N, C-alpha and C. Protein backbone atom coordinates (compact mmCIF):
# COMPACT_ATOMS: atom_id res chain seq x y z
N UNK A 1 2.06 3.35 -12.48
CA UNK A 1 2.34 4.70 -12.03
C UNK A 1 2.44 4.69 -10.52
N UNK A 2 3.53 5.20 -9.99
CA UNK A 2 3.71 5.29 -8.56
C UNK A 2 3.81 6.75 -8.17
N UNK A 3 3.39 7.08 -6.96
CA UNK A 3 3.50 8.44 -6.46
C UNK A 3 2.17 8.96 -5.98
N UNK A 4 2.15 10.16 -5.48
CA UNK A 4 0.90 10.75 -5.03
C UNK A 4 1.16 11.77 -3.95
N UNK A 5 0.13 12.54 -3.62
CA UNK A 5 0.28 13.60 -2.62
C UNK A 5 0.69 13.04 -1.27
N UNK A 6 0.06 11.97 -0.86
CA UNK A 6 0.39 11.39 0.43
C UNK A 6 1.38 10.25 0.28
N UNK A 7 1.63 9.87 -0.94
CA UNK A 7 2.50 8.74 -1.20
C UNK A 7 3.94 9.16 -1.38
N UNK A 8 4.65 8.34 -2.05
CA UNK A 8 6.07 8.53 -2.23
C UNK A 8 6.40 8.01 -3.61
N UNK A 9 7.20 8.70 -4.36
CA UNK A 9 7.55 8.26 -5.71
C UNK A 9 9.05 8.08 -5.80
N UNK A 10 9.49 7.05 -6.46
CA UNK A 10 10.91 6.81 -6.65
C UNK A 10 11.36 5.55 -5.96
N UNK A 11 12.65 5.47 -5.69
CA UNK A 11 13.17 4.29 -5.03
C UNK A 11 13.01 4.44 -3.52
N UNK A 12 12.97 3.35 -2.84
CA UNK A 12 12.80 3.36 -1.39
C UNK A 12 14.17 3.38 -0.74
N UNK A 13 14.55 4.50 -0.10
CA UNK A 13 15.89 4.62 0.46
C UNK A 13 16.22 3.48 1.42
N UNK A 14 17.30 2.79 1.15
CA UNK A 14 17.74 1.72 2.03
C UNK A 14 16.87 0.48 1.98
N UNK A 15 15.91 0.47 1.09
CA UNK A 15 14.98 -0.65 1.03
C UNK A 15 14.98 -1.20 -0.39
N UNK A 16 13.83 -1.32 -0.99
CA UNK A 16 13.73 -1.89 -2.32
C UNK A 16 13.32 -0.82 -3.31
N UNK A 17 13.54 -1.07 -4.58
CA UNK A 17 13.08 -0.18 -5.63
C UNK A 17 11.59 -0.45 -5.87
N UNK A 18 10.88 0.54 -6.36
CA UNK A 18 9.45 0.38 -6.63
C UNK A 18 9.22 -0.78 -7.59
N UNK A 19 10.12 -0.99 -8.52
CA UNK A 19 9.96 -2.08 -9.48
C UNK A 19 10.22 -3.44 -8.85
N UNK A 20 10.79 -3.46 -7.66
CA UNK A 20 11.10 -4.73 -6.98
C UNK A 20 9.99 -5.19 -6.04
N UNK A 21 8.93 -4.41 -5.91
CA UNK A 21 7.85 -4.80 -5.01
C UNK A 21 7.22 -6.10 -5.49
N UNK A 22 6.94 -7.03 -4.60
CA UNK A 22 6.46 -8.37 -4.99
C UNK A 22 4.96 -8.40 -5.30
N UNK A 23 4.51 -7.52 -6.17
CA UNK A 23 3.08 -7.43 -6.46
C UNK A 23 2.56 -8.67 -7.16
N UNK A 24 3.43 -9.38 -7.87
CA UNK A 24 3.02 -10.60 -8.55
C UNK A 24 2.73 -11.72 -7.56
N UNK A 25 3.09 -11.54 -6.29
CA UNK A 25 2.80 -12.54 -5.25
C UNK A 25 1.50 -12.23 -4.53
N UNK A 26 0.75 -11.25 -5.02
CA UNK A 26 -0.52 -10.88 -4.41
C UNK A 26 -1.66 -11.18 -5.37
N UNK A 27 -2.87 -11.07 -4.88
CA UNK A 27 -4.05 -11.26 -5.71
C UNK A 27 -4.53 -9.96 -6.34
N UNK A 28 -3.74 -8.90 -6.24
CA UNK A 28 -4.14 -7.59 -6.77
C UNK A 28 -4.15 -7.60 -8.29
N UNK A 29 -5.09 -6.86 -8.88
CA UNK A 29 -5.11 -6.74 -10.35
C UNK A 29 -3.81 -6.11 -10.84
N UNK A 30 -3.23 -6.69 -11.86
CA UNK A 30 -1.94 -6.21 -12.37
C UNK A 30 -2.08 -5.11 -13.41
N UNK A 31 -3.28 -4.91 -13.91
CA UNK A 31 -3.48 -3.99 -15.03
C UNK A 31 -3.96 -2.61 -14.60
N UNK A 32 -3.90 -2.29 -13.33
CA UNK A 32 -4.39 -1.00 -12.82
C UNK A 32 -3.23 -0.07 -12.49
N UNK A 33 -3.48 1.25 -12.52
CA UNK A 33 -2.46 2.17 -12.02
C UNK A 33 -2.27 1.96 -10.53
N UNK A 34 -1.09 2.35 -10.04
CA UNK A 34 -0.76 2.13 -8.63
C UNK A 34 -0.27 3.41 -7.98
N UNK A 35 -0.59 3.54 -6.72
CA UNK A 35 -0.05 4.60 -5.87
C UNK A 35 0.73 3.91 -4.76
N UNK A 36 1.88 4.47 -4.42
CA UNK A 36 2.74 3.88 -3.40
C UNK A 36 2.78 4.76 -2.17
N UNK A 37 2.59 4.16 -1.01
CA UNK A 37 2.69 4.85 0.27
C UNK A 37 3.76 4.17 1.10
N UNK A 38 4.86 4.85 1.35
CA UNK A 38 5.94 4.35 2.19
C UNK A 38 5.60 4.73 3.63
N UNK A 39 5.22 3.75 4.45
CA UNK A 39 4.72 4.02 5.79
C UNK A 39 5.63 3.51 6.90
N UNK A 40 6.74 2.93 6.56
CA UNK A 40 7.60 2.30 7.58
C UNK A 40 8.15 3.28 8.59
N UNK A 41 8.40 4.50 8.19
CA UNK A 41 8.99 5.48 9.10
C UNK A 41 7.94 6.31 9.85
N UNK A 42 6.67 6.07 9.56
CA UNK A 42 5.60 6.85 10.19
C UNK A 42 5.23 6.24 11.54
N UNK A 43 5.06 7.07 12.58
CA UNK A 43 4.63 6.54 13.88
C UNK A 43 3.14 6.25 13.86
N UNK A 44 2.70 5.25 14.65
CA UNK A 44 1.27 4.98 14.75
C UNK A 44 0.54 6.20 15.30
N UNK A 45 -0.63 6.49 14.86
CA UNK A 45 -1.47 5.77 13.89
C UNK A 45 -1.37 6.32 12.47
N UNK A 46 -0.28 7.04 12.13
CA UNK A 46 -0.17 7.67 10.82
C UNK A 46 -0.27 6.70 9.64
N UNK A 47 0.33 5.51 9.67
CA UNK A 47 0.17 4.62 8.51
C UNK A 47 -1.30 4.30 8.23
N UNK A 48 -2.07 4.04 9.27
CA UNK A 48 -3.49 3.76 9.13
C UNK A 48 -4.23 4.98 8.59
N UNK A 49 -3.99 6.13 9.19
CA UNK A 49 -4.66 7.36 8.77
C UNK A 49 -4.33 7.74 7.33
N UNK A 50 -3.05 7.74 7.00
CA UNK A 50 -2.65 8.13 5.65
C UNK A 50 -3.16 7.15 4.60
N UNK A 51 -3.17 5.88 4.94
CA UNK A 51 -3.69 4.89 4.00
C UNK A 51 -5.16 5.15 3.71
N UNK A 52 -5.96 5.36 4.75
CA UNK A 52 -7.39 5.61 4.56
C UNK A 52 -7.64 6.93 3.84
N UNK A 53 -6.85 7.96 4.14
CA UNK A 53 -6.99 9.25 3.45
C UNK A 53 -6.67 9.11 1.97
N UNK A 54 -5.59 8.41 1.67
CA UNK A 54 -5.19 8.25 0.28
C UNK A 54 -6.22 7.42 -0.49
N UNK A 55 -6.73 6.37 0.13
CA UNK A 55 -7.75 5.56 -0.53
C UNK A 55 -8.99 6.38 -0.86
N UNK A 56 -9.36 7.30 0.03
CA UNK A 56 -10.52 8.15 -0.21
C UNK A 56 -10.31 9.08 -1.40
N UNK A 57 -9.06 9.43 -1.69
CA UNK A 57 -8.74 10.32 -2.80
C UNK A 57 -8.59 9.59 -4.13
N UNK A 58 -8.29 8.31 -4.09
CA UNK A 58 -7.97 7.55 -5.30
C UNK A 58 -9.22 7.13 -6.06
N UNK A 59 -9.08 7.02 -7.35
CA UNK A 59 -10.09 6.45 -8.22
C UNK A 59 -10.25 4.97 -7.85
N UNK A 60 -11.47 4.44 -7.95
CA UNK A 60 -11.70 3.03 -7.61
C UNK A 60 -10.87 2.07 -8.46
N UNK A 61 -10.37 2.52 -9.59
CA UNK A 61 -9.56 1.66 -10.45
C UNK A 61 -8.09 1.67 -10.13
N UNK A 62 -7.69 2.41 -9.09
CA UNK A 62 -6.27 2.50 -8.71
C UNK A 62 -5.98 1.60 -7.53
N UNK A 63 -4.85 0.94 -7.57
CA UNK A 63 -4.39 0.06 -6.50
C UNK A 63 -3.43 0.83 -5.60
N UNK A 64 -3.60 0.72 -4.29
CA UNK A 64 -2.69 1.35 -3.34
C UNK A 64 -1.71 0.29 -2.84
N UNK A 65 -0.43 0.64 -2.86
CA UNK A 65 0.61 -0.25 -2.36
C UNK A 65 1.24 0.42 -1.15
N UNK A 66 1.05 -0.17 0.02
CA UNK A 66 1.63 0.36 1.25
C UNK A 66 2.85 -0.48 1.62
N UNK A 67 3.99 0.17 1.82
CA UNK A 67 5.20 -0.51 2.28
C UNK A 67 5.40 -0.12 3.73
N UNK A 68 5.53 -1.13 4.59
CA UNK A 68 5.62 -0.88 6.02
C UNK A 68 6.64 -1.83 6.63
N UNK A 69 6.93 -1.64 7.91
CA UNK A 69 7.85 -2.54 8.60
C UNK A 69 7.11 -3.66 9.32
N UNK A 70 5.77 -3.63 9.26
CA UNK A 70 4.95 -4.67 9.91
C UNK A 70 3.60 -4.75 9.20
N UNK A 71 2.91 -5.84 9.41
CA UNK A 71 1.58 -6.01 8.82
C UNK A 71 0.62 -5.02 9.49
N UNK A 72 -0.20 -4.32 8.72
CA UNK A 72 -1.11 -3.32 9.29
C UNK A 72 -2.40 -3.95 9.83
N UNK A 73 -2.29 -4.68 10.91
CA UNK A 73 -3.41 -5.44 11.48
C UNK A 73 -4.64 -4.58 11.75
N UNK A 74 -4.45 -3.36 12.21
CA UNK A 74 -5.59 -2.49 12.54
C UNK A 74 -6.25 -1.93 11.28
N UNK A 75 -5.55 -1.97 10.17
CA UNK A 75 -6.10 -1.47 8.91
C UNK A 75 -7.08 -2.46 8.29
N UNK A 76 -6.84 -3.74 8.43
CA UNK A 76 -7.65 -4.76 7.76
C UNK A 76 -9.16 -4.63 8.01
N UNK A 77 -9.61 -4.50 9.27
CA UNK A 77 -11.06 -4.38 9.47
C UNK A 77 -11.64 -3.12 8.83
N UNK A 78 -10.86 -2.04 8.80
CA UNK A 78 -11.33 -0.79 8.19
C UNK A 78 -11.48 -0.95 6.68
N UNK A 79 -10.55 -1.69 6.08
CA UNK A 79 -10.65 -1.95 4.64
C UNK A 79 -11.88 -2.78 4.32
N UNK A 80 -12.11 -3.81 5.11
CA UNK A 80 -13.27 -4.67 4.89
C UNK A 80 -14.57 -3.89 5.03
N UNK A 81 -14.64 -3.01 6.03
CA UNK A 81 -15.84 -2.18 6.22
C UNK A 81 -16.12 -1.30 5.01
N UNK A 82 -15.05 -0.88 4.33
CA UNK A 82 -15.19 0.04 3.20
C UNK A 82 -15.26 -0.68 1.85
N UNK A 83 -15.27 -2.01 1.87
CA UNK A 83 -15.42 -2.77 0.64
C UNK A 83 -14.15 -2.96 -0.17
N UNK A 84 -12.98 -2.84 0.46
CA UNK A 84 -11.72 -3.04 -0.24
C UNK A 84 -11.25 -4.48 -0.08
N UNK A 85 -10.51 -4.93 -1.06
CA UNK A 85 -9.80 -6.20 -0.97
C UNK A 85 -8.34 -5.86 -0.71
N UNK A 86 -7.61 -6.79 -0.11
CA UNK A 86 -6.20 -6.52 0.19
C UNK A 86 -5.44 -7.83 0.26
N UNK A 87 -4.15 -7.69 0.14
CA UNK A 87 -3.25 -8.84 0.26
C UNK A 87 -1.95 -8.31 0.84
N UNK A 88 -1.35 -9.05 1.76
CA UNK A 88 -0.11 -8.64 2.40
C UNK A 88 0.96 -9.69 2.14
N UNK A 89 2.14 -9.21 1.77
CA UNK A 89 3.28 -10.09 1.49
C UNK A 89 4.47 -9.61 2.31
N UNK A 90 5.10 -10.53 3.02
CA UNK A 90 6.32 -10.19 3.75
C UNK A 90 7.50 -10.34 2.81
N UNK A 91 8.42 -9.38 2.92
CA UNK A 91 9.66 -9.43 2.14
C UNK A 91 10.82 -9.43 3.12
N UNK A 92 12.01 -9.55 2.63
CA UNK A 92 13.18 -9.47 3.50
C UNK A 92 13.37 -8.09 4.09
N UNK A 93 12.74 -7.08 3.47
CA UNK A 93 12.91 -5.70 3.90
C UNK A 93 11.72 -5.13 4.65
N UNK A 94 10.61 -5.84 4.71
CA UNK A 94 9.42 -5.31 5.36
C UNK A 94 8.17 -6.03 4.90
N UNK A 95 7.08 -5.29 4.86
CA UNK A 95 5.78 -5.85 4.51
C UNK A 95 5.14 -4.96 3.45
N UNK A 96 4.61 -5.59 2.42
CA UNK A 96 3.92 -4.88 1.36
C UNK A 96 2.44 -5.29 1.42
N UNK A 97 1.55 -4.30 1.56
CA UNK A 97 0.12 -4.54 1.56
C UNK A 97 -0.47 -3.83 0.35
N UNK A 98 -1.16 -4.58 -0.48
CA UNK A 98 -1.78 -4.05 -1.68
C UNK A 98 -3.29 -3.98 -1.44
N UNK A 99 -3.89 -2.83 -1.76
CA UNK A 99 -5.32 -2.59 -1.49
C UNK A 99 -5.99 -2.15 -2.78
N UNK A 100 -7.16 -2.73 -3.08
CA UNK A 100 -7.89 -2.39 -4.29
C UNK A 100 -9.39 -2.61 -4.10
N UNK A 101 -10.16 -1.93 -4.93
CA UNK A 101 -11.61 -2.14 -4.96
C UNK A 101 -11.89 -3.37 -5.81
N UNK A 102 -12.76 -4.26 -5.31
CA UNK A 102 -13.06 -5.49 -6.04
C UNK A 102 -13.93 -5.30 -7.23
């Protein structure tokens, strides 16, 4: 399941389809529901803020998939502080970071 209040549902305009995200190249659990946050067009620090806000709203069993134009380096320490696991994969179109509770 993709979508959410702060997220984005559907195909990624000019980018990849939600079904094309390389989630199988990450260590994220494959059997959980997913929320997608398209952050590439957001100015800093909105990708970081929206990611943390959305994570606070999500059930611990839901995986967050953030699509961005760069690796969210400032997000990683915040995720670790909050007990999240994550994995980042570069694609030809950008960067996909998957976040989940261990």
